Amino acid sequence: MAEGVRSRVSALQMPHDASPIGFITISIGLATLQSGKPGG
């Protein structure tokens, strides 16, 4: 899911003059927790 969003934002090539890359990029982190498991 996160990679799909990151890829779509990158493909838009939205200009960002302050970025050395020249367009907007994003970084997404995710975490999961399964209930009923030790520590969850």
N, C-alpha and C. Protein backbone atom coordinates (compact mmCIF):
# COMPACT_ATOMS: atom_id res chain seq x y z
N MET A 1 0.82 -1.19 0.00
CA MET A 1 0.00 0.00 0.00
C MET A 1 0.87 1.26 0.00
N ALA A 2 1.82 1.34 0.93
CA ALA A 2 2.66 2.54 1.02
C ALA A 2 3.46 2.75 -0.26
N GLU A 3 4.01 1.70 -0.82
CA GLU A 3 4.79 1.83 -2.05
C GLU A 3 3.92 2.31 -3.19
N GLY A 4 2.67 1.87 -3.25
CA GLY A 4 1.76 2.34 -4.30
C GLY A 4 1.51 3.84 -4.21
N VAL A 5 1.28 4.34 -3.00
CA VAL A 5 1.07 5.78 -2.80
C VAL A 5 2.35 6.54 -3.16
N ARG A 6 3.50 6.06 -2.67
CA ARG A 6 4.77 6.72 -2.97
C ARG A 6 5.03 6.78 -4.47
N SER A 7 4.77 5.68 -5.14
CA SER A 7 4.99 5.61 -6.58
C SER A 7 4.07 6.57 -7.35
N ARG A 8 2.82 6.64 -6.93
CA ARG A 8 1.88 7.54 -7.62
C ARG A 8 2.24 9.00 -7.41
N VAL A 9 2.66 9.36 -6.20
CA VAL A 9 3.08 10.75 -5.94
C VAL A 9 4.32 11.07 -6.78
N SER A 10 5.26 10.17 -6.84
CA SER A 10 6.47 10.38 -7.64
C SER A 10 6.13 10.55 -9.12
N ALA A 11 5.20 9.76 -9.61
CA ALA A 11 4.82 9.82 -11.03
C ALA A 11 4.17 11.15 -11.40
N LEU A 12 3.60 11.86 -10.43
CA LEU A 12 2.98 13.16 -10.70
C LEU A 12 4.00 14.24 -11.03
N GLN A 13 5.25 14.05 -10.58
CA GLN A 13 6.33 15.01 -10.84
C GLN A 13 5.91 16.45 -10.50
N MET A 14 5.29 16.63 -9.32
CA MET A 14 4.86 17.96 -8.88
C MET A 14 6.11 18.78 -8.54
N PRO A 15 6.26 19.95 -9.15
CA PRO A 15 7.46 20.76 -8.93
C PRO A 15 7.65 21.16 -7.47
N HIS A 16 8.92 21.15 -7.04
CA HIS A 16 9.31 21.59 -5.69
C HIS A 16 10.67 22.27 -5.85
N ASP A 17 10.64 23.60 -5.98
CA ASP A 17 11.85 24.36 -6.28
C ASP A 17 12.93 24.24 -5.22
N ALA A 18 12.55 23.99 -3.96
CA ALA A 18 13.53 23.91 -2.87
C ALA A 18 14.19 22.53 -2.77
N SER A 19 13.73 21.57 -3.56
CA SER A 19 14.28 20.22 -3.51
C SER A 19 15.38 20.04 -4.55
N PRO A 20 16.50 19.40 -4.18
CA PRO A 20 17.54 19.13 -5.17
C PRO A 20 17.05 18.20 -6.28
N ILE A 21 16.03 17.41 -6.00
CA ILE A 21 15.45 16.52 -7.00
C ILE A 21 14.58 17.30 -7.97
N GLY A 22 13.96 18.38 -7.48
CA GLY A 22 13.15 19.24 -8.33
C GLY A 22 11.66 18.97 -8.28
N PHE A 23 11.26 17.88 -7.61
CA PHE A 23 9.84 17.59 -7.47
C PHE A 23 9.56 16.98 -6.11
N ILE A 24 8.28 16.95 -5.73
CA ILE A 24 7.86 16.45 -4.43
C ILE A 24 8.10 14.94 -4.32
N THR A 25 8.65 14.53 -3.19
CA THR A 25 8.79 13.11 -2.86
C THR A 25 8.19 12.87 -1.48
N ILE A 26 7.86 11.63 -1.17
CA ILE A 26 7.35 11.30 0.16
C ILE A 26 8.04 10.04 0.66
N SER A 27 8.04 9.89 1.96
CA SER A 27 8.55 8.70 2.62
C SER A 27 7.48 8.24 3.60
N ILE A 28 7.13 6.97 3.56
CA ILE A 28 6.04 6.45 4.39
C ILE A 28 6.55 5.27 5.22
N GLY A 29 6.24 5.29 6.49
CA GLY A 29 6.55 4.16 7.37
C GLY A 29 5.26 3.57 7.92
N LEU A 30 5.20 2.27 8.04
CA LEU A 30 4.02 1.58 8.55
C LEU A 30 4.42 0.59 9.63
N ALA A 31 3.50 0.34 10.54
CA ALA A 31 3.70 -0.68 11.56
C ALA A 31 2.39 -1.43 11.74
N THR A 32 2.48 -2.71 12.09
CA THR A 32 1.28 -3.50 12.34
C THR A 32 1.38 -4.15 13.71
N LEU A 33 0.24 -4.48 14.28
CA LEU A 33 0.17 -5.15 15.56
C LEU A 33 -0.99 -6.13 15.50
N GLN A 34 -0.73 -7.39 15.78
CA GLN A 34 -1.78 -8.40 15.78
C GLN A 34 -2.23 -8.64 17.21
N SER A 35 -3.52 -8.44 17.46
CA SER A 35 -4.04 -8.67 18.80
C SER A 35 -3.99 -10.16 19.13
N GLY A 36 -3.84 -10.47 20.40
CA GLY A 36 -3.78 -11.86 20.84
C GLY A 36 -2.39 -12.46 20.78
N LYS A 37 -1.44 -11.74 20.25
CA LYS A 37 -0.06 -12.21 20.17
C LYS A 37 0.73 -11.61 21.34
N PRO A 38 1.77 -12.27 21.80
CA PRO A 38 2.61 -11.70 22.86
C PRO A 38 3.11 -10.30 22.45
N GLY A 39 2.96 -9.36 23.35
CA GLY A 39 3.37 -7.98 23.06
C GLY A 39 2.28 -7.20 22.36
N GLY A 40 1.13 -7.83 22.05
CA GLY A 40 0.07 -7.13 21.33
C GLY A 40 -1.16 -7.23 22.08
